[in-house]
Amino acid sequence: MTLFYRLLPQPILSLVILALWLGLAGSVSVGQVLLGTVLGIVLPRLTRSFWPDPPRLARPGTAARLVLTVFFDIVVANGQVAKRVLGPLDRLHPRFVEVPLDLEDDFIATILGGIVTMTPGTVSVDIDRERRLLLVHALDVEDPEALIRTIKARYEAPLKEVFQC
C-alpha cells in the first residue's frame, strides 16, 4: 500500500468530507479549510475497519450525474411533499413498497437505501438480503410499480454502472 493510500484510504470520501464541512461552515476561511482537511484525513482513517472491502468507483462521470440527479430529485421532492402535506391529508396514499434489487453488493444496496431516504417523501425501511428487496415507505403512492421503476431507473441502474456490479 502506497503512502498516499495510507494517509488517505478513501480519497474521494476525504474530499466529500471537506466539501460537506465547508458547506456546513458557511464560509471558506483558512481555518475552516484546515479543519475540513483534518476531518477529511482523520475520519476515513478512524473508520477504515468498517470498510473491509470498499467498492471501487469505476465510472466517475456517471457518479457525478447520479449526484446531480439526486440533488435535483431532492429539490423537486421537497416542493411536492410540501404541496401534499399542506393540502388535504385525505388525498395522501401512504404505503410500503417492496423494490426488488438487482444489486449483489450489500454496501451498494445500502447506498441505494440512503439515496431513497434522502429524497423527501420516501424512506428506506429495510434491506432484505435473503429476498433481495428494499422496503420503502412512501408518503404518497398511487402506482407502486411506477415508484419501483423510478427507483430502479434513476438510482439503482446508475449505481450498478458507477461500481460495475
N, C-alpha and C. Protein backbone atom coordinates (compact mmCIF):
# COMPACT_ATOMS: atom_id res chain seq x y z
N MET A 1 0.86 -1.18 0.00
CA MET A 1 0.00 0.00 0.00
C MET A 1 0.90 1.24 0.00
N THR A 2 0.60 2.15 -0.89
CA THR A 2 1.43 3.34 -1.02
C THR A 2 1.18 4.30 0.14
N LEU A 3 2.10 5.23 0.31
CA LEU A 3 1.97 6.24 1.36
C LEU A 3 0.70 7.07 1.17
N PHE A 4 0.37 7.36 -0.09
CA PHE A 4 -0.84 8.15 -0.38
C PHE A 4 -2.08 7.46 0.18
N TYR A 5 -2.23 6.16 -0.08
CA TYR A 5 -3.41 5.44 0.40
C TYR A 5 -3.36 5.14 1.90
N ARG A 6 -2.17 5.14 2.48
CA ARG A 6 -2.11 5.02 3.94
C ARG A 6 -2.61 6.30 4.58
N LEU A 7 -2.23 7.43 4.00
CA LEU A 7 -2.68 8.72 4.52
C LEU A 7 -4.15 8.95 4.20
N LEU A 8 -4.55 8.63 2.98
CA LEU A 8 -5.94 8.83 2.54
C LEU A 8 -6.51 7.51 2.02
N PRO A 9 -7.01 6.64 2.92
CA PRO A 9 -7.51 5.35 2.47
C PRO A 9 -8.74 5.48 1.57
N GLN A 10 -9.49 6.55 1.72
CA GLN A 10 -10.66 6.82 0.89
C GLN A 10 -10.56 8.26 0.39
N PRO A 11 -9.76 8.53 -0.64
CA PRO A 11 -9.52 9.91 -1.06
C PRO A 11 -10.80 10.65 -1.49
N ILE A 12 -11.70 9.97 -2.16
CA ILE A 12 -12.95 10.63 -2.58
C ILE A 12 -13.78 10.99 -1.35
N LEU A 13 -13.84 10.06 -0.39
CA LEU A 13 -14.57 10.34 0.85
C LEU A 13 -13.94 11.52 1.58
N SER A 14 -12.62 11.61 1.56
CA SER A 14 -11.94 12.75 2.20
C SER A 14 -12.34 14.07 1.55
N LEU A 15 -12.42 14.07 0.22
CA LEU A 15 -12.85 15.29 -0.48
C LEU A 15 -14.31 15.62 -0.19
N VAL A 16 -15.14 14.60 -0.11
CA VAL A 16 -16.56 14.82 0.21
C VAL A 16 -16.70 15.39 1.61
N ILE A 17 -15.93 14.87 2.56
CA ILE A 17 -15.98 15.39 3.94
C ILE A 17 -15.54 16.84 3.96
N LEU A 18 -14.47 17.16 3.26
CA LEU A 18 -14.02 18.55 3.19
C LEU A 18 -15.10 19.45 2.59
N ALA A 19 -15.69 19.03 1.48
CA ALA A 19 -16.74 19.83 0.84
C ALA A 19 -17.95 20.00 1.74
N LEU A 20 -18.36 18.91 2.39
CA LEU A 20 -19.51 19.00 3.31
C LEU A 20 -19.20 19.92 4.48
N TRP A 21 -18.00 19.82 5.00
CA TRP A 21 -17.61 20.69 6.12
C TRP A 21 -17.68 22.16 5.72
N LEU A 22 -17.13 22.46 4.55
CA LEU A 22 -17.14 23.85 4.09
C LEU A 22 -18.56 24.33 3.82
N GLY A 23 -19.40 23.44 3.31
CA GLY A 23 -20.80 23.80 3.09
C GLY A 23 -21.53 24.05 4.39
N LEU A 24 -21.27 23.23 5.39
CA LEU A 24 -21.93 23.40 6.69
C LEU A 24 -21.39 24.61 7.44
N ALA A 25 -20.10 24.89 7.25
CA ALA A 25 -19.49 26.02 7.95
C ALA A 25 -20.02 27.35 7.43
N GLY A 26 -20.41 27.39 6.17
CA GLY A 26 -20.97 28.61 5.61
C GLY A 26 -19.93 29.63 5.19
N SER A 27 -18.65 29.32 5.37
CA SER A 27 -17.61 30.23 4.91
C SER A 27 -16.39 29.42 4.51
N VAL A 28 -15.60 30.00 3.63
CA VAL A 28 -14.38 29.34 3.19
C VAL A 28 -13.20 30.17 3.68
N SER A 29 -12.87 29.98 4.94
CA SER A 29 -11.71 30.67 5.51
C SER A 29 -10.57 29.66 5.63
N VAL A 30 -9.39 30.15 5.89
CA VAL A 30 -8.23 29.28 6.04
C VAL A 30 -8.47 28.28 7.18
N GLY A 31 -9.01 28.75 8.28
CA GLY A 31 -9.28 27.88 9.43
C GLY A 31 -10.28 26.78 9.10
N GLN A 32 -11.34 27.13 8.38
CA GLN A 32 -12.35 26.13 8.01
C GLN A 32 -11.79 25.11 7.02
N VAL A 33 -10.99 25.57 6.07
CA VAL A 33 -10.37 24.65 5.12
C VAL A 33 -9.41 23.71 5.86
N LEU A 34 -8.63 24.25 6.79
CA LEU A 34 -7.70 23.43 7.56
C LEU A 34 -8.45 22.40 8.40
N LEU A 35 -9.51 22.84 9.09
CA LEU A 35 -10.29 21.91 9.91
C LEU A 35 -10.97 20.85 9.05
N GLY A 36 -11.54 21.26 7.91
CA GLY A 36 -12.16 20.30 6.99
C GLY A 36 -11.16 19.30 6.45
N THR A 37 -9.95 19.75 6.17
CA THR A 37 -8.90 18.86 5.68
C THR A 37 -8.51 17.85 6.75
N VAL A 38 -8.35 18.32 7.98
CA VAL A 38 -8.02 17.41 9.09
C VAL A 38 -9.12 16.36 9.25
N LEU A 39 -10.39 16.80 9.24
CA LEU A 39 -11.51 15.86 9.34
C LEU A 39 -11.51 14.88 8.17
N GLY A 40 -11.20 15.39 6.98
CA GLY A 40 -11.16 14.55 5.79
C GLY A 40 -10.06 13.51 5.83
N ILE A 41 -9.01 13.78 6.56
CA ILE A 41 -7.92 12.81 6.72
C ILE A 41 -8.20 11.86 7.88
N VAL A 42 -8.65 12.40 9.00
CA VAL A 42 -8.80 11.60 10.22
C VAL A 42 -10.01 10.67 10.16
N LEU A 43 -11.16 11.16 9.75
CA LEU A 43 -12.38 10.34 9.80
C LEU A 43 -12.30 9.06 8.95
N PRO A 44 -11.84 9.12 7.70
CA PRO A 44 -11.71 7.87 6.95
C PRO A 44 -10.71 6.90 7.57
N ARG A 45 -9.65 7.43 8.19
CA ARG A 45 -8.68 6.54 8.83
C ARG A 45 -9.28 5.88 10.07
N LEU A 46 -10.09 6.64 10.82
CA LEU A 46 -10.73 6.08 12.02
C LEU A 46 -11.79 5.03 11.66
N THR A 47 -12.41 5.18 10.51
CA THR A 47 -13.48 4.26 10.11
C THR A 47 -13.00 3.20 9.13
N ARG A 48 -11.71 3.09 8.91
CA ARG A 48 -11.17 2.14 7.94
C ARG A 48 -11.62 0.71 8.22
N SER A 49 -11.72 0.33 9.49
CA SER A 49 -12.12 -1.04 9.81
C SER A 49 -13.57 -1.33 9.44
N PHE A 50 -14.37 -0.31 9.23
CA PHE A 50 -15.75 -0.50 8.80
C PHE A 50 -15.84 -0.75 7.30
N TRP A 51 -14.76 -0.57 6.59
CA TRP A 51 -14.72 -0.69 5.14
C TRP A 51 -13.77 -1.84 4.76
N PRO A 52 -14.08 -3.08 5.09
CA PRO A 52 -13.13 -4.16 4.83
C PRO A 52 -12.84 -4.34 3.33
N ASP A 53 -13.83 -4.17 2.49
CA ASP A 53 -13.65 -4.31 1.05
C ASP A 53 -14.43 -3.21 0.35
N PRO A 54 -13.90 -1.97 0.41
CA PRO A 54 -14.67 -0.86 -0.15
C PRO A 54 -14.84 -1.00 -1.66
N PRO A 55 -16.01 -0.68 -2.17
CA PRO A 55 -16.21 -0.75 -3.61
C PRO A 55 -15.39 0.33 -4.32
N ARG A 56 -14.96 0.02 -5.51
CA ARG A 56 -14.16 0.96 -6.28
C ARG A 56 -15.04 1.69 -7.29
N LEU A 57 -14.85 2.98 -7.36
CA LEU A 57 -15.58 3.82 -8.28
C LEU A 57 -15.04 3.56 -9.69
N ALA A 58 -15.88 2.99 -10.56
CA ALA A 58 -15.44 2.64 -11.90
C ALA A 58 -15.76 3.72 -12.93
N ARG A 59 -16.85 4.45 -12.71
CA ARG A 59 -17.29 5.47 -13.68
C ARG A 59 -17.56 6.78 -12.97
N PRO A 60 -16.55 7.63 -12.79
CA PRO A 60 -16.75 8.89 -12.07
C PRO A 60 -17.73 9.83 -12.76
N GLY A 61 -17.78 9.81 -14.09
CA GLY A 61 -18.73 10.67 -14.80
C GLY A 61 -20.17 10.29 -14.48
N THR A 62 -20.43 9.00 -14.46
CA THR A 62 -21.78 8.52 -14.11
C THR A 62 -22.08 8.85 -12.66
N ALA A 63 -21.07 8.76 -11.80
CA ALA A 63 -21.26 9.10 -10.38
C ALA A 63 -21.64 10.57 -10.24
N ALA A 64 -20.98 11.43 -11.00
CA ALA A 64 -21.30 12.86 -10.95
C ALA A 64 -22.73 13.12 -11.43
N ARG A 65 -23.14 12.44 -12.51
CA ARG A 65 -24.52 12.59 -12.99
C ARG A 65 -25.52 12.08 -11.96
N LEU A 66 -25.18 10.97 -11.28
CA LEU A 66 -26.06 10.43 -10.25
C LEU A 66 -26.21 11.43 -9.11
N VAL A 67 -25.12 12.04 -8.69
CA VAL A 67 -25.18 13.04 -7.61
C VAL A 67 -26.07 14.21 -8.03
N LEU A 68 -25.93 14.68 -9.26
CA LEU A 68 -26.78 15.77 -9.74
C LEU A 68 -28.25 15.34 -9.82
N THR A 69 -28.49 14.12 -10.24
CA THR A 69 -29.86 13.60 -10.28
C THR A 69 -30.47 13.57 -8.89
N VAL A 70 -29.70 13.08 -7.92
CA VAL A 70 -30.20 13.01 -6.54
C VAL A 70 -30.48 14.41 -6.00
N PHE A 71 -29.56 15.35 -6.22
CA PHE A 71 -29.79 16.74 -5.77
C PHE A 71 -31.05 17.32 -6.42
N PHE A 72 -31.20 17.12 -7.71
CA PHE A 72 -32.38 17.61 -8.41
C PHE A 72 -33.65 16.99 -7.83
N ASP A 73 -33.62 15.67 -7.63
CA ASP A 73 -34.79 14.98 -7.10
C ASP A 73 -35.13 15.45 -5.68
N ILE A 74 -34.11 15.75 -4.89
CA ILE A 74 -34.35 16.24 -3.53
C ILE A 74 -35.07 17.59 -3.58
N VAL A 75 -34.61 18.47 -4.45
CA VAL A 75 -35.24 19.79 -4.57
C VAL A 75 -36.68 19.66 -5.05
N VAL A 76 -36.90 18.87 -6.10
CA VAL A 76 -38.25 18.70 -6.63
C VAL A 76 -39.16 18.03 -5.61
N ALA A 77 -38.65 16.99 -4.94
CA ALA A 77 -39.47 16.26 -3.96
C ALA A 77 -39.84 17.15 -2.78
N ASN A 78 -38.95 18.05 -2.38
CA ASN A 78 -39.29 18.98 -1.29
C ASN A 78 -40.54 19.78 -1.63
N GLY A 79 -40.60 20.29 -2.84
CA GLY A 79 -41.78 21.05 -3.26
C GLY A 79 -43.02 20.17 -3.32
N GLN A 80 -42.88 18.97 -3.86
CA GLN A 80 -44.02 18.07 -3.96
C GLN A 80 -44.54 17.67 -2.58
N VAL A 81 -43.64 17.35 -1.66
CA VAL A 81 -44.05 16.96 -0.31
C VAL A 81 -44.73 18.13 0.39
N ALA A 82 -44.16 19.32 0.28
CA ALA A 82 -44.78 20.50 0.91
C ALA A 82 -46.19 20.71 0.37
N LYS A 83 -46.36 20.60 -0.92
CA LYS A 83 -47.67 20.78 -1.54
C LYS A 83 -48.67 19.74 -1.03
N ARG A 84 -48.22 18.50 -0.93
CA ARG A 84 -49.12 17.43 -0.49
C ARG A 84 -49.46 17.54 1.00
N VAL A 85 -48.47 17.87 1.79
CA VAL A 85 -48.68 17.95 3.24
C VAL A 85 -49.54 19.16 3.61
N LEU A 86 -49.35 20.26 2.87
CA LEU A 86 -50.14 21.45 3.15
C LEU A 86 -51.55 21.36 2.56
N GLY A 87 -51.76 20.41 1.68
CA GLY A 87 -53.09 20.22 1.09
C GLY A 87 -53.92 19.28 1.95
N PRO A 88 -55.04 18.84 1.43
CA PRO A 88 -55.90 17.91 2.17
C PRO A 88 -55.18 16.58 2.41
N LEU A 89 -55.08 16.19 3.67
CA LEU A 89 -54.35 14.98 4.01
C LEU A 89 -55.06 13.71 3.56
N ASP A 90 -56.35 13.79 3.33
CA ASP A 90 -57.07 12.60 2.89
C ASP A 90 -56.73 12.22 1.45
N ARG A 91 -56.03 13.09 0.75
CA ARG A 91 -55.60 12.79 -0.62
C ARG A 91 -54.28 12.02 -0.67
N LEU A 92 -53.61 11.92 0.47
CA LEU A 92 -52.35 11.17 0.52
C LEU A 92 -52.62 9.67 0.46
N HIS A 93 -51.71 8.95 -0.16
CA HIS A 93 -51.80 7.50 -0.27
C HIS A 93 -50.49 6.88 0.24
N PRO A 94 -50.25 6.93 1.55
CA PRO A 94 -49.00 6.35 2.07
C PRO A 94 -49.04 4.83 1.97
N ARG A 95 -47.90 4.25 1.68
CA ARG A 95 -47.84 2.79 1.65
C ARG A 95 -46.39 2.32 1.63
N PHE A 96 -46.25 1.04 1.95
CA PHE A 96 -44.96 0.37 1.85
C PHE A 96 -44.87 -0.28 0.48
N VAL A 97 -43.69 -0.20 -0.12
CA VAL A 97 -43.46 -0.78 -1.43
C VAL A 97 -42.17 -1.60 -1.36
N GLU A 98 -42.23 -2.83 -1.87
CA GLU A 98 -41.04 -3.68 -1.93
C GLU A 98 -40.39 -3.52 -3.30
N VAL A 99 -39.15 -3.02 -3.29
CA VAL A 99 -38.41 -2.80 -4.53
C VAL A 99 -37.43 -3.96 -4.69
N PRO A 100 -37.60 -4.78 -5.73
CA PRO A 100 -36.65 -5.88 -5.94
C PRO A 100 -35.28 -5.32 -6.35
N LEU A 101 -34.24 -5.86 -5.76
CA LEU A 101 -32.89 -5.35 -6.01
C LEU A 101 -32.14 -6.24 -6.99
N ASP A 102 -31.44 -5.60 -7.92
CA ASP A 102 -30.53 -6.31 -8.82
C ASP A 102 -29.10 -6.22 -8.30
N LEU A 103 -28.90 -5.50 -7.20
CA LEU A 103 -27.58 -5.29 -6.64
C LEU A 103 -27.15 -6.50 -5.82
N GLU A 104 -25.92 -6.94 -6.02
CA GLU A 104 -25.38 -8.06 -5.25
C GLU A 104 -24.66 -7.57 -3.99
N ASP A 105 -24.02 -6.42 -4.08
CA ASP A 105 -23.19 -5.90 -3.01
C ASP A 105 -24.05 -5.22 -1.95
N ASP A 106 -23.90 -5.65 -0.69
CA ASP A 106 -24.68 -5.07 0.41
C ASP A 106 -24.39 -3.59 0.61
N PHE A 107 -23.15 -3.20 0.42
CA PHE A 107 -22.79 -1.80 0.62
C PHE A 107 -23.46 -0.91 -0.42
N ILE A 108 -23.48 -1.35 -1.67
CA ILE A 108 -24.12 -0.58 -2.73
C ILE A 108 -25.62 -0.52 -2.49
N ALA A 109 -26.21 -1.62 -2.00
CA ALA A 109 -27.63 -1.61 -1.66
C ALA A 109 -27.90 -0.61 -0.53
N THR A 110 -26.98 -0.49 0.38
CA THR A 110 -27.12 0.48 1.47
C THR A 110 -27.04 1.90 0.93
N ILE A 111 -26.17 2.14 -0.04
CA ILE A 111 -26.11 3.46 -0.68
C ILE A 111 -27.45 3.76 -1.34
N LEU A 112 -28.03 2.78 -2.03
CA LEU A 112 -29.34 2.97 -2.65
C LEU A 112 -30.39 3.32 -1.60
N GLY A 113 -30.37 2.60 -0.48
CA GLY A 113 -31.31 2.90 0.61
C GLY A 113 -31.12 4.31 1.14
N GLY A 114 -29.87 4.76 1.23
CA GLY A 114 -29.60 6.12 1.69
C GLY A 114 -30.11 7.17 0.72
N ILE A 115 -29.96 6.90 -0.57
CA ILE A 115 -30.46 7.84 -1.58
C ILE A 115 -31.98 7.94 -1.49
N VAL A 116 -32.64 6.81 -1.36
CA VAL A 116 -34.10 6.81 -1.25
C VAL A 116 -34.53 7.58 -0.01
N THR A 117 -33.82 7.40 1.09
CA THR A 117 -34.16 8.09 2.33
C THR A 117 -33.92 9.60 2.23
N MET A 118 -32.88 10.01 1.51
CA MET A 118 -32.60 11.44 1.38
C MET A 118 -33.65 12.17 0.54
N THR A 119 -34.33 11.45 -0.31
CA THR A 119 -35.34 12.07 -1.15
C THR A 119 -36.62 12.24 -0.34
N PRO A 120 -37.06 13.47 -0.12
CA PRO A 120 -38.26 13.70 0.70
C PRO A 120 -39.48 12.94 0.17
N GLY A 121 -40.22 12.40 1.11
CA GLY A 121 -41.42 11.66 0.76
C GLY A 121 -41.21 10.16 0.74
N THR A 122 -39.95 9.71 0.79
CA THR A 122 -39.66 8.28 0.82
C THR A 122 -38.63 7.99 1.91
N VAL A 123 -38.75 6.81 2.48
CA VAL A 123 -37.80 6.36 3.50
C VAL A 123 -37.54 4.88 3.26
N SER A 124 -36.27 4.50 3.18
CA SER A 124 -35.97 3.07 3.10
C SER A 124 -36.05 2.52 4.51
N VAL A 125 -36.82 1.46 4.66
CA VAL A 125 -37.10 0.90 5.98
C VAL A 125 -36.22 -0.31 6.26
N ASP A 126 -35.99 -1.13 5.23
CA ASP A 126 -35.24 -2.36 5.45
C ASP A 126 -34.65 -2.83 4.12
N ILE A 127 -33.52 -3.51 4.23
CA ILE A 127 -32.94 -4.20 3.08
C ILE A 127 -32.97 -5.68 3.43
N ASP A 128 -33.81 -6.43 2.75
CA ASP A 128 -33.93 -7.86 2.98
C ASP A 128 -32.90 -8.55 2.09
N ARG A 129 -31.81 -9.01 2.69
CA ARG A 129 -30.72 -9.61 1.92
C ARG A 129 -31.10 -10.95 1.32
N GLU A 130 -31.91 -11.71 2.04
CA GLU A 130 -32.28 -13.04 1.54
C GLU A 130 -33.20 -12.95 0.33
N ARG A 131 -34.20 -12.09 0.40
CA ARG A 131 -35.15 -11.93 -0.70
C ARG A 131 -34.70 -10.86 -1.70
N ARG A 132 -33.61 -10.15 -1.38
CA ARG A 132 -33.06 -9.07 -2.20
C ARG A 132 -34.14 -8.04 -2.53
N LEU A 133 -34.66 -7.45 -1.44
CA LEU A 133 -35.70 -6.42 -1.55
C LEU A 133 -35.32 -5.21 -0.71
N LEU A 134 -35.69 -4.05 -1.21
CA LEU A 134 -35.58 -2.80 -0.45
C LEU A 134 -37.00 -2.41 -0.08
N LEU A 135 -37.30 -2.36 1.20
CA LEU A 135 -38.62 -1.97 1.66
C LEU A 135 -38.63 -0.45 1.82
N VAL A 136 -39.51 0.20 1.08
CA VAL A 136 -39.59 1.66 1.05
C VAL A 136 -40.96 2.09 1.53
N HIS A 137 -41.00 3.09 2.41
CA HIS A 137 -42.27 3.71 2.77
C HIS A 137 -42.33 5.05 2.03
N ALA A 138 -43.43 5.22 1.31
CA ALA A 138 -43.61 6.46 0.55
C ALA A 138 -44.84 7.19 1.07
N LEU A 139 -44.74 8.49 1.13
CA LEU A 139 -45.81 9.33 1.65
C LEU A 139 -47.04 9.33 0.76
N ASP A 140 -46.83 9.30 -0.54
CA ASP A 140 -47.96 9.38 -1.47
C ASP A 140 -47.66 8.54 -2.71
N VAL A 141 -48.28 7.36 -2.78
CA VAL A 141 -48.05 6.46 -3.90
C VAL A 141 -49.40 5.97 -4.43
N GLU A 142 -49.70 6.37 -5.63
CA GLU A 142 -50.90 5.83 -6.26
C GLU A 142 -50.55 4.60 -7.09
N ASP A 143 -49.35 4.57 -7.66
CA ASP A 143 -48.92 3.46 -8.50
C ASP A 143 -47.58 2.92 -7.99
N PRO A 144 -47.61 1.85 -7.19
CA PRO A 144 -46.37 1.30 -6.64
C PRO A 144 -45.37 0.88 -7.72
N GLU A 145 -45.86 0.36 -8.83
CA GLU A 145 -44.97 -0.07 -9.91
C GLU A 145 -44.21 1.12 -10.51
N ALA A 146 -44.86 2.26 -10.58
CA ALA A 146 -44.17 3.47 -11.09
C ALA A 146 -43.06 3.88 -10.15
N LEU A 147 -43.29 3.79 -8.83
CA LEU A 147 -42.25 4.12 -7.86
C LEU A 147 -41.08 3.15 -8.00
N ILE A 148 -41.38 1.87 -8.16
CA ILE A 148 -40.32 0.87 -8.33
C ILE A 148 -39.50 1.17 -9.58
N ARG A 149 -40.17 1.45 -10.69
CA ARG A 149 -39.46 1.76 -11.94
C ARG A 149 -38.59 3.00 -11.78
N THR A 150 -39.10 4.01 -11.07
CA THR A 150 -38.33 5.24 -10.86
C THR A 150 -37.07 4.97 -10.05
N ILE A 151 -37.21 4.25 -8.95
CA ILE A 151 -36.05 3.96 -8.10
C ILE A 151 -35.01 3.15 -8.87
N LYS A 152 -35.47 2.16 -9.61
CA LYS A 152 -34.54 1.31 -10.35
C LYS A 152 -33.85 2.08 -11.48
N ALA A 153 -34.59 2.91 -12.20
CA ALA A 153 -34.01 3.63 -13.34
C ALA A 153 -33.14 4.81 -12.91
N ARG A 154 -33.61 5.58 -11.94
CA ARG A 154 -32.90 6.82 -11.58
C ARG A 154 -31.73 6.58 -10.62
N TYR A 155 -31.82 5.52 -9.80
CA TYR A 155 -30.79 5.33 -8.77
C TYR A 155 -30.07 3.99 -8.88
N GLU A 156 -30.81 2.89 -8.97
CA GLU A 156 -30.14 1.58 -8.94
C GLU A 156 -29.30 1.36 -10.20
N ALA A 157 -29.84 1.62 -11.38
CA ALA A 157 -29.07 1.39 -12.62
C ALA A 157 -27.80 2.23 -12.67
N PRO A 158 -27.85 3.55 -12.31
CA PRO A 158 -26.58 4.28 -12.29
C PRO A 158 -25.60 3.77 -11.24
N LEU A 159 -26.11 3.34 -10.08
CA LEU A 159 -25.21 2.77 -9.07
C LEU A 159 -24.51 1.53 -9.59
N LYS A 160 -25.25 0.67 -10.30
CA LYS A 160 -24.64 -0.52 -10.87
C LYS A 160 -23.54 -0.15 -11.87
N GLU A 161 -23.78 0.90 -12.64
CA GLU A 161 -22.79 1.35 -13.61
C GLU A 161 -21.59 1.99 -12.92
N VAL A 162 -21.86 2.81 -11.91
CA VAL A 162 -20.77 3.51 -11.19
C VAL A 162 -19.80 2.51 -10.57
N PHE A 163 -20.35 1.45 -9.97
CA PHE A 163 -19.50 0.49 -9.25
C PHE A 163 -19.28 -0.81 -10.02
N GLN A 164 -19.75 -0.87 -11.28
CA GLN A 164 -19.58 -2.05 -12.12
C GLN A 164 -19.98 -3.33 -11.41
N CYS A 165 -21.21 -3.34 -10.90
CA CYS A 165 -21.70 -4.55 -10.23
C CYS A 165 -23.04 -5.00 -10.78
